[in-house]
Amino acid sequence: MVVDLDGSAIDVGWVNAARWAPYLVLGLVTGVLADRVRRKPLLVATDLGRAVVIGSVPALALTGRLGVGSLVVLLLVFGALSVANDAAHQSFLPRLLPRAALPRANTRLQQSDAVAQTSGPLLAGGLVAWLGAPVAVLVDAVSYLVSGLLILTTPLDDPRPPRSVRSATAVLAELREGLQWVYRHPTLRPLALSTHAWFVFNGLLGTVYVPYALLELDVGAVGLGVTQALAGVGVLLGTGASARIGRRLGLAGTLTGGRLVQAAGFTVVALLPAVWAPGTAGVVAAAGLGQFLFGFGLGAEGPFGLSYRQAVTPARLQGRMNATMRSLNRAAIVVGAPLGGVLAGVASSRSALVIGAAGIAVTALALRLSGFRRAAMTDPAIAD
């Protein structure tokens, strides 16, 4: 977008906000939906829908009709489909596995994501440099198509939930029950609030990093892909080490430590190229180191936060709990993404990155000082 559509950091912020805005509008309702319907058909339909939406981007580009405005509209639709998919996806795993197996299963899932993050940016960077951004987006559309078809053809035990009352009053009551579960729970509440704040600053960082790397560090599409791939390597290694780190530091210590490493990573991205930049290779190496550290911290903490939420939540509330967390998290990106663009425009991209890194560090310390410091994977669910 920065190159092909001549977009600014502010444009990137609005596009990122459009991607996540549906979580704010629809997220809580889709949590009720995920607790009311079979989840496999919902996963298939939303994956195929996302393939169509993303496939429209290169189609519009080839006809000369793709602009920032049309991209915002497409991402709003994409985000709406993703809301429903996410609510079904995270709520499905606890139906398949016992509580004790959740951390290992989430670790394996995050490792799979890390492999994609490692290879994806390198492939995308090469495709962008060779054939242009629209073709790279087409590959992304095909990935959603393949995902939908694989889920469709996979035999899964997906029982239909008990029939619920179909009325606006009943939906609101179920929605309220999900919110109360998250924000009145003694340990989920501080985890949720600190995570919402984390997403504000992560949205800020995500908005600023791409134009910063391309326009100020001048690493090029391939260099950008290399640094993002190193973040994926960090996630992969951090996830692989998460079990050992968890045994040593405990649940709260792992989440806190992971976030502090993430903050250190973006501090390196912001400051190291300014004091040590011997040519393009050196800049890519410095930015890549920071991205690796960010990814490692993300990988170390990721499986534990999700597994804890799943472990302490009753089955009948899984959809609403996950939708509540994800919706408010993504809504936080709607705040953080434009904020990053504004800060980069008013001050500088480097200053915005430093502010984002400091914000993530503050969320880590706040979590450590909250009631979550006593949380453990063995905590019981406190509702039927």
Protein backbone atom coordinates (compact mmCIF):
# COMPACT_ATOMS: atom_id res chain seq x y z
CA MET A 1 0.00 0.00 0.00
CA VAL A 2 2.79 2.44 0.89
CA VAL A 3 4.43 1.91 -2.52
CA ASP A 4 1.61 0.90 -4.89
CA LEU A 5 -1.04 3.33 -3.61
CA ASP A 6 1.38 6.04 -2.43
CA GLY A 7 -0.07 5.75 1.06
CA SER A 8 1.16 7.62 4.12
CA ALA A 9 1.50 6.39 7.67
CA ILE A 10 -1.92 7.89 8.39
CA ASP A 11 -3.44 5.95 5.45
CA VAL A 12 -1.88 2.75 6.79
CA GLY A 13 -3.43 3.54 10.16
CA TRP A 14 -6.93 3.92 8.71
CA VAL A 15 -6.61 0.73 6.68
CA ASN A 16 -5.45 -1.19 9.76
CA ALA A 17 -8.32 0.30 11.75
CA ALA A 18 -10.82 -0.86 9.11
CA ARG A 19 -9.46 -4.40 9.40
CA TRP A 20 -10.24 -4.49 13.12
CA ALA A 21 -13.26 -2.16 13.46
CA PRO A 22 -15.85 -4.98 13.03
CA TYR A 23 -14.60 -6.51 16.27
CA LEU A 24 -15.87 -3.43 18.05
CA VAL A 25 -19.29 -3.49 16.35
CA LEU A 26 -20.00 -7.21 15.92
CA GLY A 27 -17.62 -9.08 18.16
CA LEU A 28 -19.75 -9.59 21.25
CA VAL A 29 -22.77 -10.75 19.22
CA THR A 30 -20.67 -13.32 17.33
CA GLY A 31 -19.66 -14.76 20.69
CA VAL A 32 -23.31 -15.51 21.37
CA LEU A 33 -23.58 -16.99 17.86
CA ALA A 34 -20.58 -19.26 18.40
CA ASP A 35 -22.15 -20.66 21.58
CA ARG A 36 -25.45 -21.31 19.74
CA VAL A 37 -24.40 -23.04 16.49
CA ARG A 38 -22.14 -25.82 15.23
CA ARG A 39 -18.71 -24.33 14.76
CA LYS A 40 -17.39 -26.30 11.77
CA PRO A 41 -19.86 -24.81 9.23
CA LEU A 42 -19.15 -21.35 10.65
CA LEU A 43 -15.39 -21.84 10.18
CA VAL A 44 -15.81 -23.07 6.60
CA ALA A 45 -18.18 -20.30 5.51
CA THR A 46 -16.07 -17.50 6.93
CA ASP A 47 -12.82 -18.84 5.42
CA LEU A 48 -14.38 -19.10 1.96
CA GLY A 49 -15.87 -15.63 2.34
CA ARG A 50 -12.49 -14.19 3.26
CA ALA A 51 -10.96 -15.81 0.18
CA VAL A 52 -13.47 -13.97 -2.02
CA VAL A 53 -12.90 -10.62 -0.29
CA ILE A 54 -9.11 -10.78 -0.41
CA GLY A 55 -9.25 -12.04 -4.01
CA SER A 56 -11.13 -8.84 -4.90
CA VAL A 57 -8.05 -6.73 -4.09
CA PRO A 58 -5.90 -7.84 -7.07
CA ALA A 59 -9.01 -7.84 -9.28
CA LEU A 60 -9.62 -4.16 -8.48
CA ALA A 61 -5.91 -3.39 -8.86
CA LEU A 62 -5.83 -4.89 -12.36
CA THR A 63 -8.78 -2.73 -13.42
CA GLY A 64 -7.29 0.42 -11.90
CA ARG A 65 -10.07 0.79 -9.34
CA LEU A 66 -8.15 0.01 -6.18
CA GLY A 67 -7.64 2.95 -3.85
CA VAL A 68 -7.37 3.59 -0.14
CA GLY A 69 -11.16 3.99 0.12
CA SER A 70 -12.01 0.71 -1.61
CA LEU A 71 -9.34 -1.06 0.42
CA VAL A 72 -10.94 0.21 3.62
CA VAL A 73 -14.36 -1.12 2.52
CA LEU A 74 -12.96 -4.54 1.62
CA LEU A 75 -11.14 -4.81 4.93
CA LEU A 76 -14.31 -3.92 6.83
CA VAL A 77 -16.02 -6.93 5.21
CA PHE A 78 -12.94 -9.09 5.78
CA GLY A 79 -12.90 -8.06 9.42
CA ALA A 80 -16.58 -8.94 9.88
CA LEU A 81 -15.95 -12.45 8.56
CA SER A 82 -12.86 -12.77 10.75
CA VAL A 83 -14.84 -11.86 13.88
CA ALA A 84 -17.11 -14.87 13.43
CA ASN A 85 -14.24 -17.16 12.45
CA ASP A 86 -12.18 -16.21 15.50
CA ALA A 87 -15.06 -16.77 17.91
CA ALA A 88 -15.60 -20.28 16.54
CA HIS A 89 -11.92 -21.16 16.23
CA GLN A 90 -10.73 -20.45 19.75
CA SER A 91 -13.87 -21.96 21.28
CA PHE A 92 -13.52 -25.23 19.41
CA LEU A 93 -10.27 -26.50 20.93
CA PRO A 94 -11.62 -26.94 24.51
CA ARG A 95 -14.33 -29.22 23.07
CA LEU A 96 -11.69 -31.50 21.63
CA LEU A 97 -9.12 -31.68 24.42
CA PRO A 98 -8.98 -31.90 28.23
CA ARG A 99 -7.69 -28.93 30.22
CA ALA A 100 -4.23 -30.44 30.80
CA ALA A 101 -3.63 -30.72 27.05
CA LEU A 102 -4.55 -27.12 26.20
CA PRO A 103 -1.10 -25.49 26.73
CA ARG A 104 0.61 -28.09 24.53
CA ALA A 105 -2.07 -27.82 21.85
CA ASN A 106 -1.94 -24.02 21.81
CA THR A 107 1.83 -24.22 21.66
CA ARG A 108 1.64 -26.42 18.55
CA LEU A 109 -0.90 -24.09 16.95
CA GLN A 110 1.27 -21.06 17.63
CA GLN A 111 4.31 -22.87 16.26
CA SER A 112 2.37 -23.48 13.05
CA ASP A 113 1.55 -19.78 12.93
CA ALA A 114 5.21 -19.00 13.51
CA VAL A 115 6.27 -21.14 10.55
CA ALA A 116 3.80 -19.20 8.41
CA GLN A 117 5.11 -15.90 9.78
CA THR A 118 8.65 -16.96 9.05
CA SER A 119 8.14 -18.10 5.48
CA GLY A 120 5.25 -15.78 4.60
CA PRO A 121 7.02 -12.41 4.78
CA LEU A 122 10.00 -13.74 2.81
CA LEU A 123 7.68 -15.11 0.14
CA ALA A 124 5.58 -11.95 0.18
CA GLY A 125 8.63 -9.71 -0.04
CA GLY A 126 9.92 -11.66 -3.03
CA LEU A 127 6.52 -11.66 -4.75
CA VAL A 128 6.05 -7.94 -4.16
CA ALA A 129 9.48 -7.17 -5.57
CA TRP A 130 8.97 -9.52 -8.54
CA LEU A 131 5.30 -9.30 -9.50
CA GLY A 132 3.87 -6.52 -7.31
CA ALA A 133 1.71 -6.36 -4.21
CA PRO A 134 -1.63 -7.40 -5.85
CA VAL A 135 -0.24 -10.82 -6.83
CA ALA A 136 1.07 -11.34 -3.31
CA VAL A 137 -2.43 -10.60 -1.99
CA LEU A 138 -3.88 -13.18 -4.40
CA VAL A 139 -1.68 -15.84 -2.78
CA ASP A 140 -3.16 -14.84 0.58
CA ALA A 141 -6.67 -15.29 -0.83
CA VAL A 142 -5.79 -18.80 -2.00
CA SER A 143 -4.58 -19.67 1.52
CA TYR A 144 -8.06 -18.90 2.94
CA LEU A 145 -9.66 -20.98 0.20
CA VAL A 146 -7.42 -23.94 1.05
CA SER A 147 -8.15 -23.52 4.76
CA GLY A 148 -11.90 -23.58 4.20
CA LEU A 149 -11.72 -26.68 2.00
CA LEU A 150 -9.47 -28.53 4.45
CA ILE A 151 -11.84 -27.87 7.35
CA LEU A 152 -14.80 -28.87 5.18
CA THR A 153 -13.26 -32.26 4.38
CA THR A 154 -11.96 -32.98 7.90
CA PRO A 155 -14.17 -35.25 10.05
CA LEU A 156 -14.77 -33.50 13.38
CA ASP A 157 -17.05 -34.17 16.33
CA ASP A 158 -19.06 -30.96 16.35
CA PRO A 159 -22.33 -31.47 18.25
CA ARG A 160 -25.13 -28.96 17.91
CA PRO A 161 -25.52 -26.90 21.12
CA PRO A 162 -28.87 -26.95 22.95
CA ARG A 163 -31.48 -24.81 21.25
CA SER A 164 -31.57 -21.26 22.64
CA VAL A 165 -34.40 -18.75 22.75
CA ARG A 166 -34.28 -16.62 19.59
CA SER A 167 -35.08 -13.14 20.83
CA ALA A 168 -33.22 -9.87 21.24
CA THR A 169 -33.73 -10.04 25.00
CA ALA A 170 -32.19 -13.52 25.20
CA VAL A 171 -29.22 -12.45 23.07
CA LEU A 172 -28.59 -9.42 25.26
CA ALA A 173 -28.82 -11.56 28.40
CA GLU A 174 -26.28 -14.04 27.01
CA LEU A 175 -24.04 -11.22 25.88
CA ARG A 176 -24.16 -9.65 29.34
CA GLU A 177 -23.35 -13.00 30.93
CA GLY A 178 -20.19 -13.27 28.83
CA LEU A 179 -19.06 -9.76 29.73
CA GLN A 180 -19.69 -10.37 33.42
CA TRP A 181 -17.72 -13.59 33.31
CA VAL A 182 -14.62 -11.87 31.92
CA TYR A 183 -14.74 -8.59 33.84
CA ARG A 184 -15.87 -9.89 37.24
CA HIS A 185 -13.50 -12.85 37.34
CA PRO A 186 -10.69 -12.15 39.83
CA THR A 187 -7.87 -13.18 37.47
CA LEU A 188 -9.42 -12.90 33.99
CA ARG A 189 -10.26 -9.24 34.61
CA PRO A 190 -6.67 -7.99 35.07
CA LEU A 191 -5.50 -10.26 32.24
CA ALA A 192 -8.20 -8.84 29.95
CA LEU A 193 -7.58 -5.20 30.81
CA SER A 194 -3.81 -5.40 30.47
CA THR A 195 -4.17 -7.29 27.19
CA HIS A 196 -6.53 -4.64 25.80
CA ALA A 197 -3.89 -2.02 26.58
CA TRP A 198 -1.22 -4.22 24.99
CA PHE A 199 -3.21 -4.28 21.75
CA VAL A 200 -3.44 -0.47 21.69
CA PHE A 201 0.34 -0.22 21.69
CA ASN A 202 0.82 -3.20 19.40
CA GLY A 203 -1.57 -1.58 16.90
CA LEU A 204 0.51 1.58 17.13
CA LEU A 205 3.72 -0.34 16.48
CA GLY A 206 2.24 -2.35 13.62
CA THR A 207 1.08 0.80 11.87
CA VAL A 208 4.36 2.66 12.18
CA TYR A 209 6.84 -0.15 11.54
CA VAL A 210 6.16 -0.78 7.83
CA PRO A 211 6.46 2.84 6.62
CA TYR A 212 9.37 3.35 9.04
CA ALA A 213 11.24 0.39 7.57
CA LEU A 214 10.45 1.25 3.95
CA LEU A 215 10.70 5.05 3.96
CA GLU A 216 13.16 5.90 6.75
CA LEU A 217 15.35 2.80 7.01
CA ASP A 218 15.01 2.20 3.24
CA VAL A 219 15.31 -1.58 3.58
CA GLY A 220 13.11 -2.31 0.55
CA ALA A 221 10.38 -4.92 0.20
CA VAL A 222 12.80 -7.84 0.51
CA GLY A 223 14.53 -6.34 3.56
CA LEU A 224 11.16 -5.74 5.18
CA GLY A 225 10.24 -9.35 4.49
CA VAL A 226 13.50 -10.53 6.07
CA THR A 227 12.89 -8.58 9.29
CA GLN A 228 9.30 -9.81 9.53
CA ALA A 229 10.46 -13.35 8.87
CA LEU A 230 12.91 -13.01 11.76
CA ALA A 231 9.95 -12.08 13.96
CA GLY A 232 8.42 -15.39 12.88
CA VAL A 233 11.63 -17.22 13.76
CA GLY A 234 11.49 -15.56 17.17
CA VAL A 235 7.90 -16.67 17.69
CA LEU A 236 8.81 -20.22 16.70
CA LEU A 237 11.75 -20.40 19.10
CA GLY A 238 9.90 -18.58 21.87
CA THR A 239 6.95 -20.93 21.57
CA GLY A 240 9.28 -23.94 21.63
CA ALA A 241 10.83 -22.63 24.85
CA SER A 242 7.55 -21.53 26.44
CA ALA A 243 6.99 -24.73 28.42
CA ARG A 244 10.46 -24.52 30.04
CA ILE A 245 10.03 -20.81 30.68
CA GLY A 246 6.60 -21.45 32.22
CA ARG A 247 7.97 -24.08 34.59
CA ARG A 248 10.68 -21.69 35.72
CA LEU A 249 8.76 -18.40 35.94
CA GLY A 250 5.17 -19.52 36.46
CA LEU A 251 2.13 -18.25 34.58
CA ALA A 252 2.29 -14.58 35.59
CA GLY A 253 6.07 -14.43 35.28
CA THR A 254 5.98 -15.87 31.78
CA LEU A 255 3.42 -13.35 30.54
CA THR A 256 5.22 -10.45 32.20
CA GLY A 257 8.66 -11.52 30.98
CA GLY A 258 7.40 -12.12 27.46
CA ARG A 259 5.99 -8.62 27.21
CA LEU A 260 9.18 -7.03 28.54
CA VAL A 261 11.18 -8.84 25.87
CA GLN A 262 8.72 -7.58 23.26
CA ALA A 263 9.22 -4.01 24.48
CA ALA A 264 12.98 -4.46 24.32
CA GLY A 265 12.67 -5.71 20.75
CA PHE A 266 10.95 -2.60 19.44
CA THR A 267 13.30 -0.40 21.43
CA VAL A 268 16.11 -2.01 19.45
CA VAL A 269 14.20 -1.42 16.19
CA ALA A 270 13.76 2.26 17.03
CA LEU A 271 17.19 3.08 18.42
CA LEU A 272 19.83 0.69 17.12
CA PRO A 273 19.71 1.75 13.43
CA ALA A 274 20.12 5.36 14.58
CA VAL A 275 23.45 4.65 16.34
CA TRP A 276 24.73 1.74 14.21
CA ALA A 277 23.81 1.63 10.53
CA PRO A 278 26.69 0.51 8.30
CA GLY A 279 24.75 0.24 5.06
CA THR A 280 21.52 -1.48 4.16
CA ALA A 281 22.66 -4.89 5.42
CA GLY A 282 23.47 -3.44 8.84
CA VAL A 283 20.11 -1.69 9.06
CA VAL A 284 18.27 -4.89 8.12
CA ALA A 285 20.32 -6.78 10.72
CA ALA A 286 19.49 -4.25 13.45
CA ALA A 287 15.78 -4.16 12.63
CA GLY A 288 15.76 -7.93 12.26
CA LEU A 289 17.28 -8.38 15.72
CA GLY A 290 14.57 -6.22 17.24
CA GLN A 291 11.85 -8.10 15.39
CA PHE A 292 13.35 -11.41 16.52
CA LEU A 293 13.23 -10.31 20.16
CA PHE A 294 9.64 -9.12 19.77
CA GLY A 295 8.66 -12.45 18.23
CA PHE A 296 10.46 -14.46 20.91
CA GLY A 297 8.60 -12.65 23.69
CA LEU A 298 5.32 -13.09 21.86
CA GLY A 299 5.93 -16.80 21.38
CA ALA A 300 6.92 -17.35 25.00
CA GLU A 301 3.79 -15.79 26.48
CA GLY A 302 1.21 -16.58 23.79
CA PRO A 303 0.19 -20.16 24.60
CA PHE A 304 -0.20 -19.48 28.32
CA GLY A 305 -2.60 -16.54 28.20
CA LEU A 306 -4.98 -18.29 25.81
CA SER A 307 -4.75 -21.65 27.58
CA TYR A 308 -5.51 -20.06 30.95
CA ARG A 309 -8.61 -18.33 29.57
CA GLN A 310 -9.83 -21.59 28.06
CA ALA A 311 -9.03 -23.62 31.18
CA VAL A 312 -10.97 -21.51 33.69
CA THR A 313 -14.03 -20.87 31.49
CA PRO A 314 -16.99 -23.30 31.38
CA ALA A 315 -17.81 -24.85 27.99
CA ARG A 316 -21.10 -22.99 27.66
CA LEU A 317 -19.29 -19.63 27.94
CA GLN A 318 -16.27 -20.35 25.72
CA GLY A 319 -17.63 -18.56 22.65
CA ARG A 320 -18.64 -15.46 24.56
CA MET A 321 -15.44 -15.34 26.60
CA ASN A 322 -13.23 -15.63 23.53
CA ALA A 323 -15.33 -13.17 21.52
CA THR A 324 -15.29 -10.67 24.38
CA MET A 325 -11.52 -10.85 24.71
CA ARG A 326 -10.80 -10.78 20.98
CA SER A 327 -13.39 -8.11 20.21
CA LEU A 328 -12.09 -5.67 22.79
CA ASN A 329 -8.51 -6.52 21.86
CA ARG A 330 -9.18 -5.77 18.21
CA ALA A 331 -11.18 -2.70 19.12
CA ALA A 332 -8.04 -1.53 20.90
CA ILE A 333 -6.19 -1.79 17.58
CA VAL A 334 -8.79 0.57 16.10
CA VAL A 335 -7.52 3.09 18.65
CA GLY A 336 -3.84 2.23 18.41
CA ALA A 337 -3.50 2.03 14.61
CA PRO A 338 -4.59 5.61 13.80
CA LEU A 339 -2.80 6.84 16.92
CA GLY A 340 0.43 5.41 15.54
CA GLY A 341 -0.10 7.22 12.24
CA VAL A 342 -0.83 10.50 14.00
CA LEU A 343 2.20 10.22 16.30
CA ALA A 344 4.44 9.42 13.34
CA GLY A 345 3.08 12.44 11.46
CA VAL A 346 3.22 14.87 14.37
CA ALA A 347 6.51 13.76 15.94
CA SER A 348 8.43 11.03 14.09
CA SER A 349 8.17 7.32 13.37
CA ARG A 350 11.07 6.64 15.73
CA SER A 351 9.37 8.51 18.58
CA ALA A 352 6.14 6.61 17.95
CA LEU A 353 8.01 3.28 18.14
CA VAL A 354 9.60 4.26 21.45
CA ILE A 355 6.21 5.24 22.87
CA GLY A 356 4.71 1.94 21.73
CA ALA A 357 7.53 -0.08 23.28
CA ALA A 358 7.22 1.82 26.57
CA GLY A 359 3.47 1.18 26.58
CA ILE A 360 3.94 -2.58 26.23
CA ALA A 361 6.42 -2.53 29.12
CA VAL A 362 3.86 -0.73 31.29
CA THR A 363 1.20 -3.39 30.53
CA ALA A 364 3.68 -6.04 31.68
CA LEU A 365 4.35 -4.33 34.99
CA ALA A 366 0.65 -3.63 35.58
CA LEU A 367 -0.18 -7.31 35.06
CA ARG A 368 2.58 -8.37 37.43
CA LEU A 369 1.25 -6.09 40.18
CA SER A 370 -2.40 -7.14 39.73
CA GLY A 371 -4.36 -10.08 41.14
CA PHE A 372 -3.18 -12.13 38.17
CA ARG A 373 0.18 -12.63 39.88
CA ARG A 374 -1.45 -15.48 41.85
CA ALA A 375 -3.02 -17.18 38.80
CA ALA A 376 -2.16 -20.78 37.90
CA MET A 377 -3.26 -23.24 35.24
CA THR A 378 -4.86 -25.34 37.99
CA ASP A 379 -7.32 -22.57 38.96
CA PRO A 380 -10.87 -23.96 38.82
CA ALA A 381 -13.71 -22.53 36.79
CA ILE A 382 -15.95 -20.66 39.21
CA ALA A 383 -19.18 -21.09 37.27
CA ASP A 384 -21.20 -24.11 36.19
